[in-house]
Protein backbone atom coordinates (compact mmCIF):
# COMPACT_ATOMS: atom_id res chain seq x y z
CA MET A 1 0.00 0.00 0.00
CA LYS A 2 0.95 3.62 -0.43
CA TYR A 3 0.85 5.51 2.85
CA PHE A 4 1.27 9.21 3.45
CA THR A 5 0.95 9.14 7.20
CA MET A 6 0.39 11.71 9.90
CA LYS A 7 0.19 11.53 13.67
CA LYS A 8 -3.27 10.37 14.65
CA SER A 9 -5.53 12.95 16.18
CA LEU A 10 -5.84 11.97 19.83
CA SER A 11 -8.53 14.55 20.36
CA LEU A 12 -10.78 13.03 17.74
CA LEU A 13 -10.45 9.56 19.23
CA MET A 14 -11.12 10.92 22.70
CA ALA A 15 -14.21 12.65 21.38
CA LEU A 16 -15.34 9.43 19.77
CA VAL A 17 -14.93 7.58 23.05
CA MET A 18 -17.01 10.22 24.74
CA VAL A 19 -19.97 10.57 22.44
CA LEU A 20 -20.00 8.45 19.31
CA GLY A 21 -21.76 5.45 20.79
CA THR A 22 -24.87 7.43 21.62
CA LEU A 23 -24.89 9.50 18.46
CA PHE A 24 -24.43 6.53 16.15
CA LEU A 25 -27.47 4.89 17.70
CA ALA A 26 -29.50 7.91 16.67
CA VAL A 27 -28.16 7.93 13.12
CA SER A 28 -28.48 4.21 12.44
CA CYS A 29 -31.90 3.81 13.94
CA GLY A 30 -33.47 7.02 12.67
CA THR A 31 -34.68 7.72 16.21
CA GLY A 32 -38.19 8.97 16.45
CA GLU A 33 -38.95 8.57 20.15
CA ASP A 34 -39.58 11.58 22.35
CA ASP A 35 -37.46 10.11 25.16
CA PRO A 36 -33.89 9.15 24.28
CA ALA A 37 -33.87 6.75 27.19
CA GLN A 38 -36.28 4.59 25.18
CA SER A 39 -33.63 4.12 22.49
CA THR A 40 -31.88 0.84 23.22
CA ALA A 41 -29.25 -1.34 21.64
CA ALA A 42 -32.08 -3.54 20.38
CA ASP A 43 -32.95 -0.80 17.93
CA THR A 44 -29.57 -0.91 16.21
CA PRO A 45 -28.71 -2.95 13.09
CA ALA A 46 -26.60 -5.42 15.06
CA GLU A 47 -29.46 -6.45 17.32
CA SER A 48 -31.86 -6.94 14.42
CA GLU A 49 -29.62 -9.30 12.45
CA THR A 50 -31.94 -12.23 13.10
CA GLU A 51 -34.89 -10.32 11.67
CA GLN A 52 -33.40 -8.72 8.59
CA PRO A 53 -30.28 -9.20 6.45
CA LEU A 54 -27.21 -7.09 7.01
CA ALA A 55 -26.92 -4.03 4.80
CA TYR A 56 -23.48 -5.17 3.66
CA ASP A 57 -24.99 -8.40 2.29
CA SER A 58 -26.94 -6.36 -0.27
CA VAL A 59 -23.72 -5.22 -1.97
CA GLU A 60 -22.76 -7.61 -4.76
CA LYS A 61 -19.29 -8.99 -4.12
CA GLN A 62 -16.97 -8.72 -7.12
CA LYS A 63 -13.27 -9.46 -7.53
CA PHE A 64 -11.69 -6.28 -8.91
CA ASP A 65 -7.98 -7.00 -8.39
CA ARG A 66 -7.02 -3.31 -8.26
CA GLU A 67 -6.30 -0.37 -5.96
CA PHE A 68 -8.91 1.93 -4.46
CA ASN A 69 -7.35 5.37 -4.10
CA ILE A 70 -8.67 7.69 -1.41
CA MET A 71 -7.79 11.40 -1.46
CA SER A 72 -8.58 12.45 2.08
CA ARG A 73 -8.60 15.66 4.04
CA ASP A 74 -5.79 15.35 6.57
CA ASP A 75 -8.22 15.84 9.48
CA ILE A 76 -10.44 12.93 8.38
CA ILE A 77 -7.82 10.34 7.45
CA GLU A 78 -8.42 8.42 10.73
CA ASP A 79 -11.81 7.37 9.38
CA PHE A 80 -10.01 5.26 6.78
CA GLU A 81 -6.30 4.66 7.16
CA ILE A 82 -5.74 2.08 9.90
CA GLU A 83 -2.49 0.18 9.46
CA ASP A 84 -2.98 -2.53 12.09
CA LEU A 85 -5.00 -3.68 15.08
CA THR A 86 -4.22 -1.38 18.01
CA GLY A 87 -6.57 -2.46 20.78
CA ASP A 88 -8.53 0.76 20.38
CA LEU A 89 -12.17 -0.06 19.67
CA LEU A 90 -12.68 2.30 16.74
CA ASP A 91 -9.30 1.57 15.18
CA ASP A 92 -9.91 -2.17 15.34
CA LEU A 93 -13.43 -1.92 13.92
CA LEU A 94 -12.20 0.14 10.98
CA TYR A 95 -9.20 -2.12 10.43
CA GLU A 96 -11.55 -5.11 10.30
CA ARG A 97 -13.80 -3.22 7.88
CA ASN A 98 -10.88 -2.45 5.58
CA SER A 99 -9.60 -6.03 5.75
CA ARG A 100 -13.01 -7.50 5.03
CA ILE A 101 -13.70 -5.26 2.05
CA ALA A 102 -10.18 -5.74 0.69
CA THR A 103 -10.70 -9.50 0.79
CA ASP A 104 -14.30 -9.61 -0.43
CA PHE A 105 -13.64 -7.31 -3.38
CA GLU A 106 -9.98 -8.12 -3.95
CA ILE A 107 -8.82 -4.52 -3.70
CA GLU A 108 -5.94 -2.70 -2.03
CA PHE A 109 -6.62 0.60 -0.29
CA SER A 110 -4.20 3.45 -0.96
CA TYR A 111 -4.40 6.68 1.01
CA TYR A 112 -3.36 10.23 0.22
CA GLN A 113 -4.00 13.29 2.37
CA LEU A 114 -4.02 17.03 1.90
CA SER A 115 -5.65 20.05 3.52
CA TYR A 116 -9.31 20.55 2.54
CA ASP A 117 -8.55 23.37 0.10
CA GLN A 118 -5.79 21.30 -1.53
CA VAL A 119 -8.26 18.42 -1.90
CA ASN A 120 -10.60 20.78 -3.75
CA THR A 121 -7.78 22.00 -5.98
CA THR A 122 -6.69 18.45 -6.74
CA LEU A 123 -10.22 17.37 -7.70
CA ASN A 124 -10.61 20.42 -9.94
CA THR A 125 -7.27 19.80 -11.61
CA GLN A 126 -8.08 16.14 -12.17
CA SER A 127 -11.48 16.94 -13.66
CA THR A 128 -10.27 19.66 -16.00
CA SER A 129 -7.31 17.61 -17.20
CA GLY A 130 -9.30 14.44 -17.72
CA SER A 131 -7.25 12.57 -15.13
CA ASP A 132 -8.55 9.78 -12.93
CA ASP A 133 -5.87 9.22 -10.28
CA TYR A 134 -8.17 9.04 -7.25
CA ASP A 135 -11.43 7.14 -6.80
CA PHE A 136 -12.86 9.03 -3.87
CA TYR A 137 -12.35 12.55 -2.49
CA ILE A 138 -13.31 13.79 0.97
CA GLY A 139 -14.72 17.31 0.79
CA HIS A 140 -15.63 20.25 3.03
CA LYS A 141 -18.27 23.00 3.00
CA TYR A 142 -16.26 24.97 0.48
CA SER A 143 -16.11 21.96 -1.82
CA PHE A 144 -19.70 22.70 -2.79
CA GLY A 145 -18.88 26.08 -4.29
CA THR A 146 -15.47 25.23 -5.76
CA CYS A 147 -16.20 21.70 -6.98
CA ALA A 148 -19.91 20.88 -7.19
CA GLN A 149 -21.12 24.17 -8.65
CA ASN A 150 -18.32 24.25 -11.20
CA ASN A 151 -19.21 20.81 -12.57
CA TYR A 152 -16.08 19.03 -11.37
CA CYS A 153 -17.97 16.31 -9.49
CA TYR A 154 -19.74 13.15 -10.60
CA ASN A 155 -23.47 13.01 -9.87
CA LEU A 156 -23.63 10.40 -7.11
CA GLY A 157 -27.27 9.82 -8.01
CA ASP A 158 -26.16 8.44 -11.37
CA ILE A 159 -24.06 5.74 -9.73
CA THR A 160 -26.59 2.92 -9.43
CA GLU A 161 -24.35 0.97 -7.05
CA ILE A 162 -24.93 3.69 -4.41
CA ASP A 163 -28.42 3.90 -2.90
CA LEU A 164 -28.57 7.37 -1.38
CA THR A 165 -32.08 6.76 -0.02
CA GLN A 166 -30.83 4.21 2.50
CA PRO A 167 -30.23 5.04 6.18
CA TRP A 168 -26.45 4.60 5.97
CA TRP A 169 -26.46 7.85 3.97
CA ASP A 170 -27.54 11.01 5.81
CA GLN A 171 -31.07 11.71 4.60
CA SER A 172 -31.09 15.34 5.70
CA CYS A 173 -27.97 15.94 3.60
CA TYR A 174 -29.53 14.07 0.68
CA ASP A 175 -32.82 15.96 0.86
CA ASN A 176 -31.31 19.42 1.23
CA MET A 177 -28.19 19.19 -0.92
CA THR A 178 -29.69 17.52 -4.00
CA VAL A 179 -30.51 20.01 -6.76
CA ASN A 180 -32.77 18.88 -9.60
CA GLY A 181 -31.72 15.27 -9.14
CA ARG A 182 -28.01 16.04 -8.90
CA THR A 183 -26.17 15.04 -5.75
CA TYR A 184 -22.52 16.01 -5.81
CA VAL A 185 -21.68 15.82 -2.10
CA MET A 186 -22.91 13.41 0.55
CA THR A 187 -22.20 12.22 4.08
CA GLY A 188 -23.29 9.33 6.26
CA ASP A 189 -22.06 6.24 8.14
CA ILE A 190 -19.07 5.99 5.82
CA PHE A 191 -17.51 8.69 8.02
CA PRO A 192 -17.39 7.64 11.71
CA SER A 193 -16.49 11.25 12.53
CA SER A 194 -19.41 12.77 10.63
CA MET A 195 -21.87 13.23 13.48
CA LEU A 196 -19.23 14.90 15.61
CA PHE A 197 -19.65 18.04 13.54
CA SER A 198 -23.08 18.64 15.10
CA SER A 199 -23.54 21.74 17.25
CA CYS A 200 -24.14 21.58 20.99
CA LEU A 201 -23.77 23.54 24.21
CA VAL A 202 -21.59 22.58 27.14
CA PHE A 203 -22.16 24.14 30.53
CA ASN A 204 -20.14 24.47 33.73
CA ARG A 205 -22.04 22.49 36.34
CA LYS A 206 -20.06 23.97 39.21
CA MET A 207 -20.73 27.57 38.13
CA VAL A 208 -24.42 26.90 37.58
CA LYS A 209 -24.71 25.72 41.20
CA GLU A 210 -22.55 28.53 42.60
CA LEU A 211 -24.83 31.09 40.96
CA GLY A 212 -27.86 29.56 42.64
CA LYS A 213 -29.18 27.71 39.61
CA SER A 214 -29.74 24.02 38.99
CA ASP A 215 -27.78 21.81 36.60
CA ALA A 216 -30.41 19.08 37.02
CA GLU A 217 -33.05 21.58 35.91
CA LEU A 218 -31.15 22.17 32.68
CA PHE A 219 -31.34 18.50 31.77
CA GLU A 220 -34.99 18.36 32.82
CA LEU A 221 -35.82 21.39 30.67
CA ALA A 222 -34.22 19.66 27.68
CA ARG A 223 -36.13 16.41 28.28
CA ASN A 224 -39.46 18.20 28.70
CA GLY A 225 -39.04 20.40 25.62
CA GLY A 226 -38.55 23.54 27.67
CA TRP A 227 -34.93 24.23 26.74
CA THR A 228 -35.59 27.36 24.65
CA MET A 229 -33.77 30.56 23.76
CA ASP A 230 -35.75 32.34 26.47
CA ALA A 231 -34.76 29.73 29.02
CA MET A 232 -31.12 30.11 28.03
CA TYR A 233 -31.45 33.89 28.35
CA ASP A 234 -32.77 33.46 31.88
CA TYR A 235 -29.72 31.39 32.77
CA CYS A 236 -27.36 33.88 31.09
CA LYS A 237 -28.89 37.01 32.58
CA ASP A 238 -26.45 39.00 34.71
CA VAL A 239 -23.83 36.23 34.72
CA THR A 240 -21.15 38.20 32.85
CA PHE A 241 -19.23 40.10 35.53
CA ASP A 242 -16.12 42.22 35.95
CA LEU A 243 -14.43 40.03 38.52
CA ASN A 244 -11.32 42.15 39.04
CA GLY A 245 -13.24 45.42 39.19
CA ASP A 246 -11.12 47.27 36.65
CA GLY A 247 -14.17 48.60 34.81
CA LYS A 248 -13.76 46.55 31.67
CA LEU A 249 -14.36 42.99 30.55
CA ALA A 250 -11.35 40.87 29.59
CA TYR A 251 -11.29 37.19 28.69
CA THR A 252 -8.17 36.69 30.80
CA ASP A 253 -9.79 37.73 34.09
CA ASP A 254 -13.56 38.04 34.03
CA ARG A 255 -16.65 35.84 34.01
CA TYR A 256 -18.97 35.34 31.04
CA CYS A 257 -22.42 33.90 30.50
CA LEU A 258 -21.30 32.30 27.22
CA THR A 259 -18.15 31.88 25.16
CA SER A 260 -18.53 31.46 21.41
CA TRP A 261 -16.72 31.60 18.07
CA MET A 262 -18.15 33.75 15.29
CA MET A 263 -18.14 30.96 12.68
CA ASP A 264 -20.18 28.67 14.93
CA VAL A 265 -22.65 30.29 17.30
CA PRO A 266 -24.51 32.57 14.81
CA PHE A 267 -25.31 29.47 12.76
CA SER A 268 -25.83 26.96 15.57
CA MET A 269 -28.29 29.23 17.37
CA TYR A 270 -30.06 30.31 14.20
CA TYR A 271 -30.61 26.85 12.72
CA ALA A 272 -31.59 25.46 16.12
CA CYS A 273 -34.56 27.83 15.96
CA GLY A 274 -36.02 26.03 12.96
CA GLU A 275 -35.50 28.30 9.97
CA ASN A 276 -33.55 27.48 6.80
CA PHE A 277 -32.77 30.03 4.11
CA VAL A 278 -33.11 27.61 1.19
CA THR A 279 -35.81 24.97 0.81
CA ILE A 280 -35.91 22.23 -1.83
CA VAL A 281 -39.33 22.25 -3.51
CA ASP A 282 -40.00 19.46 -6.02
CA GLY A 283 -36.25 19.01 -6.37
CA THR A 284 -35.51 22.69 -7.05
CA PRO A 285 -34.00 25.00 -4.40
CA GLU A 286 -35.92 28.12 -3.50
CA LEU A 287 -34.94 31.01 -1.27
CA SER A 288 -37.67 30.54 1.30
CA TYR A 289 -37.74 31.96 4.80
CA ASP A 290 -40.10 33.81 7.09
CA THR A 291 -38.66 37.30 7.44
CA GLU A 292 -40.59 37.99 10.62
CA LYS A 293 -39.37 34.71 12.12
CA VAL A 294 -35.75 35.46 11.17
CA ILE A 295 -36.03 38.86 12.87
CA GLY A 296 -37.48 37.16 15.95
CA ILE A 297 -34.65 34.63 16.01
CA TYR A 298 -32.02 37.33 15.69
CA ASP A 299 -33.62 39.29 18.53
CA LYS A 300 -33.24 36.31 20.86
CA ILE A 301 -29.65 35.69 19.77
CA TYR A 302 -28.83 39.40 20.15
CA LYS A 303 -30.16 39.47 23.69
CA ILE A 304 -27.81 36.67 24.74
CA ILE A 305 -24.68 37.55 22.75
CA VAL A 306 -24.75 41.35 22.80
CA GLU A 307 -27.01 42.48 25.64
CA GLN A 308 -25.61 39.99 28.13
CA ASN A 309 -22.02 40.60 27.01
CA ALA A 310 -21.14 37.07 25.98
CA TYR A 311 -17.54 36.46 24.95
CA PHE A 312 -18.02 36.45 21.18
CA VAL A 313 -14.66 35.87 19.48
CA THR A 314 -14.24 37.46 16.04
CA ASP A 315 -10.45 37.36 15.73
CA ILE A 316 -8.98 34.13 14.33
CA ASN A 317 -5.70 34.95 16.12
CA VAL A 318 -7.36 34.38 19.50
CA TYR A 319 -9.76 31.67 18.34
CA ALA A 320 -8.72 29.17 21.03
CA THR A 321 -9.58 31.61 23.81
CA THR A 322 -13.22 30.82 23.06
CA TYR A 323 -12.65 27.50 24.78
CA ASP A 324 -9.88 28.54 27.15
CA VAL A 325 -12.25 30.84 29.02
CA PHE A 326 -14.76 28.04 29.48
CA SER A 327 -12.25 25.34 30.39
CA GLY A 328 -10.69 27.80 32.84
CA GLY A 329 -13.98 27.98 34.73
CA ARG A 330 -14.91 31.54 33.73
CA ALA A 331 -18.02 30.92 31.61
CA MET A 332 -21.36 29.24 32.21
CA PHE A 333 -21.94 28.05 28.63
CA CYS A 334 -19.77 27.34 25.62
CA ASP A 335 -21.05 26.88 22.07
CA MET A 336 -19.16 24.23 20.08
CA SER A 337 -19.54 21.13 17.94
CA LEU A 338 -19.19 17.68 19.47
CA ASN A 339 -15.76 17.07 17.95
CA LYS A 340 -14.28 19.99 19.92
CA ILE A 341 -15.25 18.76 23.37
CA SER A 342 -12.21 16.71 24.24
CA THR A 343 -9.90 18.74 22.02
CA PHE A 344 -10.45 21.86 24.11
CA LEU A 345 -11.89 20.59 27.40
CA SER A 346 -9.61 17.63 28.14
CA GLU A 347 -7.86 19.50 30.96
CA MET A 348 -10.93 21.21 32.39
CA THR A 349 -11.16 20.59 36.14
CA ASP A 350 -14.74 21.77 36.71
CA PRO A 351 -17.45 19.22 35.84
CA TYR A 352 -19.39 20.07 32.70
CA GLY A 353 -22.54 18.82 31.00
CA ILE A 354 -23.73 18.61 27.39
CA LEU A 355 -26.99 20.05 26.04
CA PRO A 356 -28.63 20.43 22.64
CA MET A 357 -28.90 23.93 21.24
CA PRO A 358 -32.08 25.60 22.54
CA LYS A 359 -35.28 25.70 20.50
CA PHE A 360 -36.94 28.96 19.41
CA ASP A 361 -39.86 28.31 21.77
CA GLU A 362 -41.76 25.42 23.30
CA ALA A 363 -44.08 25.22 20.29
CA GLN A 364 -41.12 24.00 18.22
CA SER A 365 -41.41 20.22 18.20
CA GLU A 366 -37.75 19.15 17.94
CA TYR A 367 -34.26 20.18 18.92
CA LEU A 368 -32.25 20.92 15.79
CA SER A 369 -28.51 20.82 15.30
CA PHE A 370 -26.52 22.84 12.82
CA VAL A 371 -23.96 20.76 10.90
CA ASN A 372 -20.64 22.54 10.82
CA GLY A 373 -19.18 23.03 7.34
CA ALA A 374 -16.13 21.00 8.33
CA THR A 375 -18.19 17.80 8.16
CA ALA A 376 -16.74 15.23 5.77
CA LEU A 377 -18.37 14.94 2.34
CA VAL A 378 -18.12 12.21 -0.29
CA MET A 379 -17.05 13.46 -3.72
CA VAL A 380 -16.16 11.62 -6.92
CA ALA A 381 -14.41 13.38 -9.81
CA LYS A 382 -16.43 14.03 -12.93
CA THR A 383 -13.74 12.24 -14.95
CA GLU A 384 -14.06 8.97 -13.00
CA LYS A 385 -13.74 6.24 -15.63
CA ASP A 386 -15.24 3.41 -13.59
CA PRO A 387 -18.07 4.81 -11.45
CA GLU A 388 -19.53 1.33 -10.98
CA PHE A 389 -16.35 0.20 -9.22
CA VAL A 390 -16.19 3.33 -7.07
CA GLY A 391 -19.88 3.14 -6.20
CA THR A 392 -19.58 -0.50 -5.18
CA ILE A 393 -16.71 0.16 -2.78
CA LEU A 394 -18.31 3.31 -1.32
CA GLU A 395 -21.54 1.43 -0.70
CA ALA A 396 -19.59 -1.45 0.81
CA MET A 397 -17.76 0.88 3.20
CA ALA A 398 -20.96 2.68 4.22
CA THR A 399 -22.98 -0.49 4.78
CA CYS A 400 -20.16 -2.26 6.58
CA ASN A 401 -19.88 0.67 9.01
CA TYR A 402 -23.66 0.72 9.41
CA ASP A 403 -23.72 -2.98 10.30
CA ASN A 404 -20.57 -3.38 12.35
CA VAL A 405 -19.05 -0.07 13.46
CA THR A 406 -22.11 1.91 14.45
CA PRO A 407 -23.88 -0.58 16.74
CA LYS A 408 -20.71 -1.83 18.42
CA LEU A 409 -19.70 1.70 19.26
CA PHE A 410 -23.08 2.10 20.93
CA GLN A 411 -22.96 -1.18 22.81
CA VAL A 412 -19.44 -0.74 24.18
CA ILE A 413 -18.60 2.95 24.38
CA THR A 414 -21.88 4.51 25.40
CA LYS A 415 -22.42 2.21 28.33
CA LEU A 416 -19.03 3.21 29.73
CA GLN A 417 -19.73 6.89 29.23
CA ALA A 418 -23.30 6.67 30.50
CA ALA A 419 -22.01 5.23 33.77
CA GLN A 420 -20.03 8.44 34.30
CA ASP A 421 -22.56 10.99 33.05
CA PRO A 422 -25.90 9.48 31.98
CA ASP A 423 -27.55 12.91 31.67
CA SER A 424 -25.10 14.24 29.08
CA SER A 425 -25.01 10.89 27.34
CA SER A 426 -28.76 11.00 26.82
CA MET A 427 -28.55 14.57 25.55
CA VAL A 428 -26.34 13.51 22.63
CA ASP A 429 -29.33 11.67 21.19
CA TYR A 430 -31.22 14.96 20.99
CA ILE A 431 -28.20 16.63 19.41
CA VAL A 432 -27.87 14.24 16.48
CA ARG A 433 -31.52 13.27 16.01
CA ASN A 434 -32.30 16.19 13.67
CA ARG A 435 -29.24 17.54 11.92
CA ILE A 436 -29.73 20.55 9.67
CA PHE A 437 -28.19 20.98 6.23
CA ASP A 438 -29.04 24.28 4.53
CA LEU A 439 -28.00 24.74 0.92
CA GLY A 440 -27.83 28.48 1.58
CA TYR A 441 -25.10 27.90 4.16
CA PHE A 442 -23.11 25.35 2.14
CA ALA A 443 -23.32 27.55 -0.96
CA ASP A 444 -22.25 30.50 1.22
CA PHE A 445 -25.09 32.79 0.12
CA PRO A 446 -24.97 36.27 1.74
CA ILE A 447 -28.35 35.77 3.39
CA SER A 448 -26.89 32.93 5.48
CA ASN A 449 -24.25 35.29 6.90
CA VAL A 450 -26.53 38.16 7.96
CA VAL A 451 -26.81 36.99 11.57
CA LEU A 452 -23.03 36.64 11.76
CA GLU A 453 -22.31 40.04 10.25
CA ASN A 454 -24.79 41.87 12.49
CA LEU A 455 -23.48 40.22 15.65
CA LYS A 456 -19.92 41.17 14.72
CA THR A 457 -20.88 44.84 14.64
CA GLY A 458 -23.40 44.60 17.49
CA GLN A 459 -26.29 45.92 15.41
CA GLU A 460 -29.71 45.47 16.96
CA SER A 461 -31.71 45.61 13.72
CA ILE A 462 -31.33 43.01 10.99
CA SER A 463 -34.09 44.06 8.58
CA SER A 464 -32.22 46.28 6.11
CA LYS A 465 -29.28 43.93 5.77
CA MET A 466 -31.66 41.02 5.19
CA LYS A 467 -33.28 42.78 2.27
CA ALA A 468 -29.99 43.51 0.53
CA ALA A 469 -28.59 40.04 1.23
CA GLY A 470 -31.85 38.47 0.07
CA ARG A 471 -31.65 40.18 -3.31
CA THR A 472 -28.05 39.12 -3.85
CA SER A 473 -28.78 35.59 -2.68
CA THR A 474 -31.70 35.29 -5.08
CA THR A 475 -29.38 36.16 -7.95
CA LEU A 476 -26.78 33.65 -6.79
CA LEU A 477 -29.37 30.91 -6.31
CA ASN A 478 -30.77 31.44 -9.80
CA ARG A 479 -27.23 31.25 -11.14
CA LEU A 480 -26.62 28.03 -9.21
CA VAL A 481 -29.76 26.39 -10.62
CA LYS A 482 -28.76 27.38 -14.15
CA GLN A 483 -25.25 26.05 -13.56
CA PHE A 484 -26.62 22.71 -12.43
CA GLU A 485 -28.96 22.56 -15.44
CA LYS A 486 -25.94 22.86 -17.73
CA HIS A 487 -24.05 20.06 -15.98
CA GLU A 488 -23.71 16.92 -18.02
């Protein structure tokens, strides 16, 4: 095999140990219960083997006698490149998957890794030059604009060996990122790390108690559907405080109600409130949102971020301080995605809990989780000369994970974690149950950035900027639809 190796990301594996078992249960089973405690291992594919065939069995086994070349983002390579059994649960499951597929299909996996923007450039170069050096590319949010819109990707829907309607492919991604029957990017069980890019809130249990509030009440609010933006505001109210009395707030010394990064919290809070900017209607995307609702959502976000003086980081040079303040015990809440928990909180001494992002109000039926643009995405180059081969192996990898990786992670890892913190463990089910993909966000339309831009400048009103961004976004969406219509 050809290996271009890197040091494994310990933080990712730690995050997987912490949360993946619970979240994979939700993904594999398509959870629909109101109480996550009712979701059991019996609902997973592994426990239903006696009642229905394994998904992997549906993939026709063929002897290809060739290499399968994966061009991976360097931060996702651990989902695929496992050189040997290590004793780590996830590593061993993926190693067994690779070995099984290599044997069943008589292939040899070869791995290459680059940064996400270099992956995009490589796919574009390959497509424009007619080359076919890699069978499978792992994309990023910005792959949609640079690769999919520019007709450098193969329509996954045209590869009959891949069944995108099956539960091992993320159905929210499929429904919201397919334009007029063309699906150029996709995610699902093929990426064990995929669900970790779902937004959540962590909270300092010690601080909550010290300020006379109840951490148990937070979990109860979430279970009863009462964890709303207004409820979060009540918790945040008057928490930010000038601890050293110097008359100004500084992240190095003072206390905050919330710490947050500008490329996360405007989107995680907004999408949690139940409003997309683009809706797919009869296969065609339409700019469709309730202006009054968007204004109402922004008002609630503004009250928490601006009025209550949350620590809202807008400078990439001090990005990590978003999490340093929280891990240092100087913030009640921290907005992040699941994959960041152990990366940034591994040395936190105060106990913390995990919550879904709050709903707009109690009338909203479900908790919703924004999917960070760093989530891994399947892409195949337009110039792929053997899409049947590629589709067969991709489907094999996805179904094999669905059958063997997902349920075993639940059965082994979650039980260990639940014994330590059953409340947070149960919350992860809410977090991944309804993940939100908005074409407006992945296409980077201006309308999707209005909340971000207004929070950066602290503006209370969002109306005028919405109108201007809406007009520009309409033009860009029409252009996108026309681009897709011209794609072969």
